[in-house]
Amino acid sequence: MGFGCTIGGIPSVWHYFRPRDGNPFVLAWFGSVFFLWIAGAFWLFIKDGAKTLAKHPGAIEFRIGFKRKDISNPTMIKALWLLCLAGGIIGVVMMWIMDIPLPNFR
């Protein structure tokens, strides 16, 4: 994102919400996001990255009220990854199909 804004390929970060316009800087950014999703899934599912994360206490934790809960089960780590990945895919699909208006800063 910063590269596209700094070089001048896009006027503002709001253009990243409109990948359907076909800006090459925006498409390159989405390509890098897709690459990271694929690499993360490969590491977690094929290279047993979930087991590696499960061995490190505190690597993935969340809070319920004042209690901290540590996720140390590889299956739960994979399920959390899939849930987050599904949310990201839904967000990207929405950006492609919706006509999101750009803010007017003039």
PDB file of N, CA and C in Angstrom:
ATOM      1  N   MET A   1       0.828  -1.184   0.000  1.00  0.00           N
ATOM      2  CA  MET A   1       0.000   0.000   0.000  1.00  0.00           C
ATOM      3  C   MET A   1       0.874   1.249   0.000  1.00  0.00           C
ATOM      4  N   GLY A   2       1.850   1.255   0.885  1.00  0.00           N
ATOM      5  CA  GLY A   2       2.704   2.425   0.990  1.00  0.00           C
ATOM      6  C   GLY A   2       3.472   2.697  -0.289  1.00  0.00           C
ATOM      7  N   PHE A   3       3.892   1.645  -0.981  1.00  0.00           N
ATOM      8  CA  PHE A   3       4.620   1.808  -2.232  1.00  0.00           C
ATOM      9  C   PHE A   3       3.753   2.507  -3.272  1.00  0.00           C
ATOM     10  N   GLY A   4       2.503   2.074  -3.407  1.00  0.00           N
ATOM     11  CA  GLY A   4       1.599   2.695  -4.377  1.00  0.00           C
ATOM     12  C   GLY A   4       1.300   4.145  -4.053  1.00  0.00           C
ATOM     13  N   CYS A   5       1.157   4.450  -2.775  1.00  0.00           N
ATOM     14  CA  CYS A   5       0.893   5.836  -2.364  1.00  0.00           C
ATOM     15  C   CYS A   5       2.131   6.706  -2.535  1.00  0.00           C
ATOM     16  N   THR A   6       3.314   6.169  -2.203  1.00  0.00           N
ATOM     17  CA  THR A   6       4.541   6.951  -2.267  1.00  0.00           C
ATOM     18  C   THR A   6       4.958   7.230  -3.710  1.00  0.00           C
ATOM     19  N   ILE A   7       4.880   6.242  -4.551  1.00  0.00           N
ATOM     20  CA  ILE A   7       5.274   6.402  -5.949  1.00  0.00           C
ATOM     21  C   ILE A   7       4.280   7.291  -6.696  1.00  0.00           C
ATOM     22  N   GLY A   8       3.050   7.307  -6.246  1.00  0.00           N
ATOM     23  CA  GLY A   8       2.042   8.136  -6.901  1.00  0.00           C
ATOM     24  C   GLY A   8       1.104   7.354  -7.799  1.00  0.00           C
ATOM     25  N   GLY A   9       1.117   6.051  -7.667  1.00  0.00           N
ATOM     26  CA  GLY A   9       0.245   5.233  -8.505  1.00  0.00           C
ATOM     27  C   GLY A   9      -1.211   5.319  -8.109  1.00  0.00           C
ATOM     28  N   ILE A  10      -1.464   5.677  -6.855  1.00  0.00           N
ATOM     29  CA  ILE A  10      -2.843   5.849  -6.397  1.00  0.00           C
ATOM     30  C   ILE A  10      -2.927   7.120  -5.566  1.00  0.00           C
ATOM     31  N   PRO A  11      -4.040   7.834  -5.652  1.00  0.00           N
ATOM     32  CA  PRO A  11      -4.168   9.086  -4.907  1.00  0.00           C
ATOM     33  C   PRO A  11      -4.311   8.905  -3.396  1.00  0.00           C
ATOM     34  N   SER A  12      -4.971   7.842  -2.947  1.00  0.00           N
ATOM     35  CA  SER A  12      -5.164   7.629  -1.513  1.00  0.00           C
ATOM     36  C   SER A  12      -5.367   6.145  -1.241  1.00  0.00           C
ATOM     37  N   VAL A  13      -5.293   5.777   0.040  1.00  0.00           N
ATOM     38  CA  VAL A  13      -5.480   4.374   0.400  1.00  0.00           C
ATOM     39  C   VAL A  13      -6.913   3.907   0.156  1.00  0.00           C
ATOM     40  N   TRP A  14      -7.833   4.819   0.020  1.00  0.00           N
ATOM     41  CA  TRP A  14      -9.233   4.445  -0.221  1.00  0.00           C
ATOM     42  C   TRP A  14      -9.392   3.720  -1.548  1.00  0.00           C
ATOM     43  N   HIS A  15      -8.461   3.882  -2.462  1.00  0.00           N
ATOM     44  CA  HIS A  15      -8.551   3.198  -3.763  1.00  0.00           C
ATOM     45  C   HIS A  15      -8.335   1.690  -3.623  1.00  0.00           C
ATOM     46  N   TYR A  16      -7.748   1.251  -2.512  1.00  0.00           N
ATOM     47  CA  TYR A  16      -7.576  -0.189  -2.290  1.00  0.00           C
ATOM     48  C   TYR A  16      -8.907  -0.882  -2.010  1.00  0.00           C
ATOM     49  N   PHE A  17      -9.940  -0.119  -1.708  1.00  0.00           N
ATOM     50  CA  PHE A  17     -11.267  -0.702  -1.533  1.00  0.00           C
ATOM     51  C   PHE A  17     -11.970  -0.907  -2.873  1.00  0.00           C
ATOM     52  N   ARG A  18     -11.336  -0.515  -3.975  1.00  0.00           N
ATOM     53  CA  ARG A  18     -11.925  -0.640  -5.306  1.00  0.00           C
ATOM     54  C   ARG A  18     -10.975  -1.396  -6.240  1.00  0.00           C
ATOM     55  N   PRO A  19     -10.733  -2.692  -5.987  1.00  0.00           N
ATOM     56  CA  PRO A  19      -9.823  -3.433  -6.876  1.00  0.00           C
ATOM     57  C   PRO A  19     -10.409  -3.626  -8.269  1.00  0.00           C
ATOM     58  N   ARG A  20     -11.706  -3.498  -8.393  1.00  0.00           N
ATOM     59  CA  ARG A  20     -12.358  -3.702  -9.696  1.00  0.00           C
ATOM     60  C   ARG A  20     -11.996  -2.617 -10.694  1.00  0.00           C
ATOM     61  N   ASP A  21     -11.397  -1.499 -10.234  1.00  0.00           N
ATOM     62  CA  ASP A  21     -10.981  -0.444 -11.159  1.00  0.00           C
ATOM     63  C   ASP A  21      -9.749  -0.854 -11.969  1.00  0.00           C
ATOM     64  N   GLY A  22      -9.023  -1.867 -11.495  1.00  0.00           N
ATOM     65  CA  GLY A  22      -7.901  -2.412 -12.259  1.00  0.00           C
ATOM     66  C   GLY A  22      -6.585  -1.662 -12.112  1.00  0.00           C
ATOM     67  N   ASN A  23      -6.430  -0.853 -11.080  1.00  0.00           N
ATOM     68  CA  ASN A  23      -5.165  -0.155 -10.853  1.00  0.00           C
ATOM     69  C   ASN A  23      -4.077  -1.198 -10.576  1.00  0.00           C
ATOM     70  N   PRO A  24      -2.941  -1.136 -11.300  1.00  0.00           N
ATOM     71  CA  PRO A  24      -1.914  -2.174 -11.114  1.00  0.00           C
ATOM     72  C   PRO A  24      -1.313  -2.209  -9.705  1.00  0.00           C
ATOM     73  N   PHE A  25      -1.216  -1.055  -9.031  1.00  0.00           N
ATOM     74  CA  PHE A  25      -0.694  -1.046  -7.667  1.00  0.00           C
ATOM     75  C   PHE A  25      -1.655  -1.752  -6.720  1.00  0.00           C
ATOM     76  N   VAL A  26      -2.935  -1.544  -6.913  1.00  0.00           N
ATOM     77  CA  VAL A  26      -3.951  -2.197  -6.079  1.00  0.00           C
ATOM     78  C   VAL A  26      -3.961  -3.696  -6.345  1.00  0.00           C
ATOM     79  N   LEU A  27      -3.908  -4.074  -7.609  1.00  0.00           N
ATOM     80  CA  LEU A  27      -3.913  -5.504  -7.947  1.00  0.00           C
ATOM     81  C   LEU A  27      -2.653  -6.203  -7.433  1.00  0.00           C
ATOM     82  N   ALA A  28      -1.512  -5.509  -7.477  1.00  0.00           N
ATOM     83  CA  ALA A  28      -0.275  -6.094  -6.943  1.00  0.00           C
ATOM     84  C   ALA A  28      -0.391  -6.288  -5.436  1.00  0.00           C
ATOM     85  N   TRP A  29      -1.016  -5.345  -4.742  1.00  0.00           N
ATOM     86  CA  TRP A  29      -1.199  -5.482  -3.301  1.00  0.00           C
ATOM     87  C   TRP A  29      -2.101  -6.680  -2.997  1.00  0.00           C
ATOM     88  N   PHE A  30      -3.202  -6.815  -3.733  1.00  0.00           N
ATOM     89  CA  PHE A  30      -4.079  -7.964  -3.522  1.00  0.00           C
ATOM     90  C   PHE A  30      -3.364  -9.264  -3.859  1.00  0.00           C
ATOM     91  N   GLY A  31      -2.519  -9.250  -4.883  1.00  0.00           N
ATOM     92  CA  GLY A  31      -1.726 -10.439  -5.201  1.00  0.00           C
ATOM     93  C   GLY A  31      -0.811 -10.833  -4.054  1.00  0.00           C
ATOM     94  N   SER A  32      -0.210  -9.842  -3.390  1.00  0.00           N
ATOM     95  CA  SER A  32       0.658 -10.158  -2.254  1.00  0.00           C
ATOM     96  C   SER A  32      -0.152 -10.704  -1.076  1.00  0.00           C
ATOM     97  N   VAL A  33      -1.357 -10.192  -0.880  1.00  0.00           N
ATOM     98  CA  VAL A  33      -2.231 -10.722   0.180  1.00  0.00           C
ATOM     99  C   VAL A  33      -2.601 -12.167  -0.118  1.00  0.00           C
ATOM    100  N   PHE A  34      -2.960 -12.461  -1.365  1.00  0.00           N
ATOM    101  CA  PHE A  34      -3.315 -13.841  -1.732  1.00  0.00           C
ATOM    102  C   PHE A  34      -2.117 -14.763  -1.551  1.00  0.00           C
ATOM    103  N   PHE A  35      -0.926 -14.283  -1.908  1.00  0.00           N
ATOM    104  CA  PHE A  35       0.281 -15.091  -1.724  1.00  0.00           C
ATOM    105  C   PHE A  35       0.498 -15.413  -0.244  1.00  0.00           C
ATOM    106  N   LEU A  36       0.320 -14.414   0.625  1.00  0.00           N
ATOM    107  CA  LEU A  36       0.493 -14.647   2.065  1.00  0.00           C
ATOM    108  C   LEU A  36      -0.550 -15.620   2.603  1.00  0.00           C
ATOM    109  N   TRP A  37      -1.777 -15.544   2.106  1.00  0.00           N
ATOM    110  CA  TRP A  37      -2.803 -16.491   2.533  1.00  0.00           C
ATOM    111  C   TRP A  37      -2.425 -17.910   2.127  1.00  0.00           C
ATOM    112  N   ILE A  38      -1.968 -18.080   0.902  1.00  0.00           N
ATOM    113  CA  ILE A  38      -1.588 -19.413   0.411  1.00  0.00           C
ATOM    114  C   ILE A  38      -0.370 -19.931   1.175  1.00  0.00           C
ATOM    115  N   ALA A  39       0.629 -19.068   1.377  1.00  0.00           N
ATOM    116  CA  ALA A  39       1.830 -19.482   2.112  1.00  0.00           C
ATOM    117  C   ALA A  39       1.496 -19.839   3.557  1.00  0.00           C
ATOM    118  N   GLY A  40       0.616 -19.067   4.189  1.00  0.00           N
ATOM    119  CA  GLY A  40       0.216 -19.361   5.559  1.00  0.00           C
ATOM    120  C   GLY A  40      -0.530 -20.680   5.667  1.00  0.00           C
ATOM    121  N   ALA A  41      -1.438 -20.916   4.734  1.00  0.00           N
ATOM    122  CA  ALA A  41      -2.186 -22.179   4.743  1.00  0.00           C
ATOM    123  C   ALA A  41      -1.256 -23.364   4.483  1.00  0.00           C
ATOM    124  N   PHE A  42      -0.309 -23.183   3.565  1.00  0.00           N
ATOM    125  CA  PHE A  42       0.650 -24.256   3.277  1.00  0.00           C
ATOM    126  C   PHE A  42       1.468 -24.582   4.524  1.00  0.00           C
ATOM    127  N   TRP A  43       1.947 -23.546   5.222  1.00  0.00           N
ATOM    128  CA  TRP A  43       2.761 -23.771   6.404  1.00  0.00           C
ATOM    129  C   TRP A  43       1.950 -24.421   7.526  1.00  0.00           C
ATOM    130  N   LEU A  44       0.717 -23.947   7.735  1.00  0.00           N
ATOM    131  CA  LEU A  44      -0.095 -24.497   8.826  1.00  0.00           C
ATOM    132  C   LEU A  44      -0.539 -25.931   8.566  1.00  0.00           C
ATOM    133  N   PHE A  45      -0.972 -26.226   7.342  1.00  0.00           N
ATOM    134  CA  PHE A  45      -1.574 -27.519   7.058  1.00  0.00           C
ATOM    135  C   PHE A  45      -0.584 -28.550   6.512  1.00  0.00           C
ATOM    136  N   ILE A  46       0.352 -28.142   5.677  1.00  0.00           N
ATOM    137  CA  ILE A  46       1.267 -29.098   5.048  1.00  0.00           C
ATOM    138  C   ILE A  46       2.558 -29.262   5.849  1.00  0.00           C
ATOM    139  N   LYS A  47       3.119 -28.157   6.309  1.00  0.00           N
ATOM    140  CA  LYS A  47       4.392 -28.196   7.027  1.00  0.00           C
ATOM    141  C   LYS A  47       4.229 -28.254   8.543  1.00  0.00           C
ATOM    142  N   ASP A  48       3.059 -28.558   9.041  1.00  0.00           N
ATOM    143  CA  ASP A  48       2.768 -28.700  10.470  1.00  0.00           C
ATOM    144  C   ASP A  48       3.101 -27.448  11.279  1.00  0.00           C
ATOM    145  N   GLY A  49       2.809 -26.291  10.715  1.00  0.00           N
ATOM    146  CA  GLY A  49       3.022 -25.042  11.429  1.00  0.00           C
ATOM    147  C   GLY A  49       2.097 -24.897  12.627  1.00  0.00           C
ATOM    148  N   ALA A  50       0.921 -25.525  12.563  1.00  0.00           N
ATOM    149  CA  ALA A  50      -0.007 -25.467  13.699  1.00  0.00           C
ATOM    150  C   ALA A  50       0.596 -26.151  14.922  1.00  0.00           C
ATOM    151  N   LYS A  51       1.303 -27.254  14.712  1.00  0.00           N
ATOM    152  CA  LYS A  51       1.970 -27.933  15.838  1.00  0.00           C
ATOM    153  C   LYS A  51       3.085 -27.058  16.405  1.00  0.00           C
ATOM    154  N   THR A  52       3.795 -26.356  15.547  1.00  0.00           N
ATOM    155  CA  THR A  52       4.851 -25.453  16.000  1.00  0.00           C
ATOM    156  C   THR A  52       4.266 -24.336  16.851  1.00  0.00           C
ATOM    157  N   LEU A  53       3.161 -23.742  16.404  1.00  0.00           N
ATOM    158  CA  LEU A  53       2.514 -22.688  17.186  1.00  0.00           C
ATOM    159  C   LEU A  53       1.965 -23.228  18.499  1.00  0.00           C
ATOM    160  N   ALA A  54       1.453 -24.442  18.489  1.00  0.00           N
ATOM    161  CA  ALA A  54       0.885 -25.028  19.708  1.00  0.00           C
ATOM    162  C   ALA A  54       1.953 -25.260  20.766  1.00  0.00           C
ATOM    163  N   LYS A  55       3.202 -25.461  20.347  1.00  0.00           N
ATOM    164  CA  LYS A  55       4.294 -25.689  21.302  1.00  0.00           C
ATOM    165  C   LYS A  55       4.730 -24.415  22.016  1.00  0.00           C
ATOM    166  N   HIS A  56       4.350 -23.255  21.488  1.00  0.00           N
ATOM    167  CA  HIS A  56       4.766 -21.983  22.073  1.00  0.00           C
ATOM    168  C   HIS A  56       3.607 -21.369  22.850  1.00  0.00           C
ATOM    169  N   PRO A  57       3.625 -21.460  24.178  1.00  0.00           N
ATOM    170  CA  PRO A  57       2.528 -20.900  24.973  1.00  0.00           C
ATOM    171  C   PRO A  57       2.457 -19.384  24.805  1.00  0.00           C
ATOM    172  N   GLY A  58       1.242 -18.908  24.656  1.00  0.00           N
ATOM    173  CA  GLY A  58       1.025 -17.482  24.490  1.00  0.00           C
ATOM    174  C   GLY A  58       1.113 -17.005  23.063  1.00  0.00           C
ATOM    175  N   ALA A  59       1.424 -17.889  22.116  1.00  0.00           N
ATOM    176  CA  ALA A  59       1.515 -17.469  20.718  1.00  0.00           C
ATOM    177  C   ALA A  59       0.149 -17.017  20.213  1.00  0.00           C
ATOM    178  N   ILE A  60      -0.882 -17.745  20.582  1.00  0.00           N
ATOM    179  CA  ILE A  60      -2.249 -17.375  20.196  1.00  0.00           C
ATOM    180  C   ILE A  60      -3.090 -17.424  21.459  1.00  0.00           C
ATOM    181  N   GLU A  61      -3.525 -16.262  21.903  1.00  0.00           N
ATOM    182  CA  GLU A  61      -4.370 -16.215  23.089  1.00  0.00           C
ATOM    183  C   GLU A  61      -5.427 -15.138  22.910  1.00  0.00           C
ATOM    184  N   PHE A  62      -6.485 -15.266  23.646  1.00  0.00           N
ATOM    185  CA  PHE A  62      -7.546 -14.272  23.620  1.00  0.00           C
ATOM    186  C   PHE A  62      -8.097 -14.130  25.024  1.00  0.00           C
ATOM    187  N   ARG A  63      -8.899 -13.117  25.229  1.00  0.00           N
ATOM    188  CA  ARG A  63      -9.468 -12.857  26.554  1.00  0.00           C
ATOM    189  C   ARG A  63     -10.974 -13.027  26.517  1.00  0.00           C
ATOM    190  N   ILE A  64     -11.481 -13.643  27.569  1.00  0.00           N
ATOM    191  CA  ILE A  64     -12.919 -13.703  27.822  1.00  0.00           C
ATOM    192  C   ILE A  64     -13.111 -13.018  29.170  1.00  0.00           C
ATOM    193  N   GLY A  65     -13.577 -11.790  29.135  1.00  0.00           N
ATOM    194  CA  GLY A  65     -13.651 -11.024  30.375  1.00  0.00           C
ATOM    195  C   GLY A  65     -12.249 -10.752  30.871  1.00  0.00           C
ATOM    196  N   PHE A  66     -11.953 -11.178  32.095  1.00  0.00           N
ATOM    197  CA  PHE A  66     -10.623 -10.982  32.655  1.00  0.00           C
ATOM    198  C   PHE A  66      -9.771 -12.244  32.563  1.00  0.00           C
ATOM    199  N   LYS A  67     -10.325 -13.329  32.007  1.00  0.00           N
ATOM    200  CA  LYS A  67      -9.570 -14.575  31.886  1.00  0.00           C
ATOM    201  C   LYS A  67      -8.890 -14.631  30.527  1.00  0.00           C
ATOM    202  N   ARG A  68      -7.629 -15.057  30.541  1.00  0.00           N
ATOM    203  CA  ARG A  68      -6.899 -15.261  29.296  1.00  0.00           C
ATOM    204  C   ARG A  68      -6.957 -16.727  28.925  1.00  0.00           C
ATOM    205  N   LYS A  69      -7.262 -17.001  27.690  1.00  0.00           N
ATOM    206  CA  LYS A  69      -7.358 -18.372  27.195  1.00  0.00           C
ATOM    207  C   LYS A  69      -6.303 -18.568  26.118  1.00  0.00           C
ATOM    208  N   ASP A  70      -5.484 -19.580  26.298  1.00  0.00           N
ATOM    209  CA  ASP A  70      -4.422 -19.895  25.351  1.00  0.00           C
ATOM    210  C   ASP A  70      -4.899 -21.004  24.409  1.00  0.00           C
ATOM    211  N   ILE A  71      -4.718 -20.797  23.122  1.00  0.00           N
ATOM    212  CA  ILE A  71      -5.071 -21.839  22.157  1.00  0.00           C
ATOM    213  C   ILE A  71      -3.807 -22.648  21.900  1.00  0.00           C
ATOM    214  N   SER A  72      -3.775 -23.867  22.399  1.00  0.00           N
ATOM    215  CA  SER A  72      -2.594 -24.707  22.230  1.00  0.00           C
ATOM    216  C   SER A  72      -2.920 -26.028  21.537  1.00  0.00           C
ATOM    217  N   ASN A  73      -4.083 -26.113  20.945  1.00  0.00           N
ATOM    218  CA  ASN A  73      -4.481 -27.302  20.205  1.00  0.00           C
ATOM    219  C   ASN A  73      -4.296 -27.022  18.707  1.00  0.00           C
ATOM    220  N   PRO A  74      -3.499 -27.832  17.991  1.00  0.00           N
ATOM    221  CA  PRO A  74      -3.272 -27.577  16.567  1.00  0.00           C
ATOM    222  C   PRO A  74      -4.564 -27.547  15.744  1.00  0.00           C
ATOM    223  N   THR A  75      -5.536 -28.349  16.112  1.00  0.00           N
ATOM    224  CA  THR A  75      -6.804 -28.348  15.381  1.00  0.00           C
ATOM    225  C   THR A  75      -7.534 -27.021  15.557  1.00  0.00           C
ATOM    226  N   MET A  76      -7.489 -26.469  16.757  1.00  0.00           N
ATOM    227  CA  MET A  76      -8.131 -25.173  16.998  1.00  0.00           C
ATOM    228  C   MET A  76      -7.393 -24.050  16.268  1.00  0.00           C
ATOM    229  N   ILE A  77      -6.083 -24.154  16.189  1.00  0.00           N
ATOM    230  CA  ILE A  77      -5.308 -23.159  15.453  1.00  0.00           C
ATOM    231  C   ILE A  77      -5.681 -23.198  13.979  1.00  0.00           C
ATOM    232  N   LYS A  78      -5.808 -24.379  13.418  1.00  0.00           N
ATOM    233  CA  LYS A  78      -6.205 -24.505  12.014  1.00  0.00           C
ATOM    234  C   LYS A  78      -7.624 -23.986  11.800  1.00  0.00           C
ATOM    235  N   ALA A  79      -8.520 -24.273  12.742  1.00  0.00           N
ATOM    236  CA  ALA A  79      -9.901 -23.791  12.627  1.00  0.00           C
ATOM    237  C   ALA A  79      -9.945 -22.265  12.692  1.00  0.00           C
ATOM    238  N   LEU A  80      -9.137 -21.669  13.579  1.00  0.00           N
ATOM    239  CA  LEU A  80      -9.079 -20.215  13.677  1.00  0.00           C
ATOM    240  C   LEU A  80      -8.543 -19.611  12.381  1.00  0.00           C
ATOM    241  N   TRP A  81      -7.526 -20.238  11.802  1.00  0.00           N
ATOM    242  CA  TRP A  81      -6.978 -19.775  10.523  1.00  0.00           C
ATOM    243  C   TRP A  81      -8.056 -19.816   9.440  1.00  0.00           C
ATOM    244  N   LEU A  82      -8.790 -20.912   9.372  1.00  0.00           N
ATOM    245  CA  LEU A  82      -9.828 -21.027   8.352  1.00  0.00           C
ATOM    246  C   LEU A  82     -10.940 -20.006   8.556  1.00  0.00           C
ATOM    247  N   LEU A  83     -11.288 -19.728   9.809  1.00  0.00           N
ATOM    248  CA  LEU A  83     -12.300 -18.720  10.095  1.00  0.00           C
ATOM    249  C   LEU A  83     -11.824 -17.335   9.648  1.00  0.00           C
ATOM    250  N   CYS A  84     -10.599 -16.999   9.986  1.00  0.00           N
ATOM    251  CA  CYS A  84     -10.047 -15.701   9.570  1.00  0.00           C
ATOM    252  C   CYS A  84      -9.897 -15.617   8.052  1.00  0.00           C
ATOM    253  N   LEU A  85      -9.484 -16.699   7.432  1.00  0.00           N
ATOM    254  CA  LEU A  85      -9.346 -16.736   5.980  1.00  0.00           C
ATOM    255  C   LEU A  85     -10.698 -16.563   5.302  1.00  0.00           C
ATOM    256  N   ALA A  86     -11.722 -17.199   5.830  1.00  0.00           N
ATOM    257  CA  ALA A  86     -13.068 -17.046   5.271  1.00  0.00           C
ATOM    258  C   ALA A  86     -13.532 -15.596   5.372  1.00  0.00           C
ATOM    259  N   GLY A  87     -13.259 -14.943   6.501  1.00  0.00           N
ATOM    260  CA  GLY A  87     -13.614 -13.533   6.650  1.00  0.00           C
ATOM    261  C   GLY A  87     -12.879 -12.656   5.650  1.00  0.00           C
ATOM    262  N   GLY A  88     -11.608 -12.937   5.427  1.00  0.00           N
ATOM    263  CA  GLY A  88     -10.837 -12.184   4.446  1.00  0.00           C
ATOM    264  C   GLY A  88     -11.341 -12.383   3.038  1.00  0.00           C
ATOM    265  N   ILE A  89     -11.689 -13.619   2.703  1.00  0.00           N
ATOM    266  CA  ILE A  89     -12.206 -13.904   1.363  1.00  0.00           C
ATOM    267  C   ILE A  89     -13.545 -13.203   1.155  1.00  0.00           C
ATOM    268  N   ILE A  90     -14.396 -13.235   2.160  1.00  0.00           N
ATOM    269  CA  ILE A  90     -15.684 -12.530   2.054  1.00  0.00           C
ATOM    270  C   ILE A  90     -15.453 -11.036   1.854  1.00  0.00           C
ATOM    271  N   GLY A  91     -14.497 -10.465   2.591  1.00  0.00           N
ATOM    272  CA  GLY A  91     -14.188  -9.044   2.434  1.00  0.00           C
ATOM    273  C   GLY A  91     -13.688  -8.708   1.042  1.00  0.00           C
ATOM    274  N   VAL A  92     -12.813  -9.541   0.490  1.00  0.00           N
ATOM    275  CA  VAL A  92     -12.292  -9.297  -0.852  1.00  0.00           C
ATOM    276  C   VAL A  92     -13.400  -9.422  -1.895  1.00  0.00           C
ATOM    277  N   VAL A  93     -14.238 -10.438  -1.752  1.00  0.00           N
ATOM    278  CA  VAL A  93     -15.352 -10.607  -2.694  1.00  0.00           C
ATOM    279  C   VAL A  93     -16.279  -9.399  -2.644  1.00  0.00           C
ATOM    280  N   MET A  94     -16.556  -8.907  -1.441  1.00  0.00           N
ATOM    281  CA  MET A  94     -17.422  -7.727  -1.316  1.00  0.00           C
ATOM    282  C   MET A  94     -16.784  -6.510  -1.991  1.00  0.00           C
ATOM    283  N   MET A  95     -15.459  -6.354  -1.857  1.00  0.00           N
ATOM    284  CA  MET A  95     -14.797  -5.230  -2.507  1.00  0.00           C
ATOM    285  C   MET A  95     -14.877  -5.329  -4.027  1.00  0.00           C
ATOM    286  N   TRP A  96     -14.859  -6.560  -4.556  1.00  0.00           N
ATOM    287  CA  TRP A  96     -14.928  -6.734  -6.009  1.00  0.00           C
ATOM    288  C   TRP A  96     -16.333  -6.511  -6.545  1.00  0.00           C
ATOM    289  N   ILE A  97     -17.360  -6.900  -5.790  1.00  0.00           N
ATOM    290  CA  ILE A  97     -18.717  -6.817  -6.349  1.00  0.00           C
ATOM    291  C   ILE A  97     -19.438  -5.517  -6.000  1.00  0.00           C
ATOM    292  N   MET A  98     -19.003  -4.834  -4.934  1.00  0.00           N
ATOM    293  CA  MET A  98     -19.675  -3.588  -4.555  1.00  0.00           C
ATOM    294  C   MET A  98     -19.018  -2.400  -5.229  1.00  0.00           C
ATOM    295  N   ASP A  99     -19.819  -1.378  -5.504  1.00  0.00           N
ATOM    296  CA  ASP A  99     -19.293  -0.138  -6.059  1.00  0.00           C
ATOM    297  C   ASP A  99     -19.099   0.825  -4.897  1.00  0.00           C
ATOM    298  N   ILE A 100     -17.956   0.717  -4.240  1.00  0.00           N
ATOM    299  CA  ILE A 100     -17.673   1.513  -3.050  1.00  0.00           C
ATOM    300  C   ILE A 100     -17.278   2.917  -3.482  1.00  0.00           C
ATOM    301  N   PRO A 101     -18.012   3.945  -3.012  1.00  0.00           N
ATOM    302  CA  PRO A 101     -17.661   5.312  -3.428  1.00  0.00           C
ATOM    303  C   PRO A 101     -16.400   5.795  -2.724  1.00  0.00           C
ATOM    304  N   LEU A 102     -15.614   6.576  -3.450  1.00  0.00           N
ATOM    305  CA  LEU A 102     -14.407   7.167  -2.881  1.00  0.00           C
ATOM    306  C   LEU A 102     -14.784   8.470  -2.178  1.00  0.00           C
ATOM    307  N   PRO A 103     -14.175   8.735  -1.023  1.00  0.00           N
ATOM    308  CA  PRO A 103     -14.485  10.000  -0.334  1.00  0.00           C
ATOM    309  C   PRO A 103     -13.931  11.187  -1.120  1.00  0.00           C
ATOM    310  N   ASN A 104     -14.633  12.304  -1.057  1.00  0.00           N
ATOM    311  CA  ASN A 104     -14.220  13.508  -1.724  1.00  0.00           C
ATOM    312  C   ASN A 104     -13.567  14.418  -0.696  1.00  0.00           C
ATOM    313  N   PHE A 105     -12.260  14.628  -0.809  1.00  0.00           N
ATOM    314  CA  PHE A 105     -11.513  15.410   0.163  1.00  0.00           C
ATOM    315  C   PHE A 105     -11.263  16.841  -0.300  1.00  0.00           C
ATOM    316  N   ARG A 106     -11.993  17.310  -1.238  1.00  0.00           N
ATOM    317  CA  ARG A 106     -11.773  18.672  -1.748  1.00  0.00           C
ATOM    318  C   ARG A 106     -12.559  19.671  -1.012  1.00  0.00           C
TER     319      ARG A 106
END
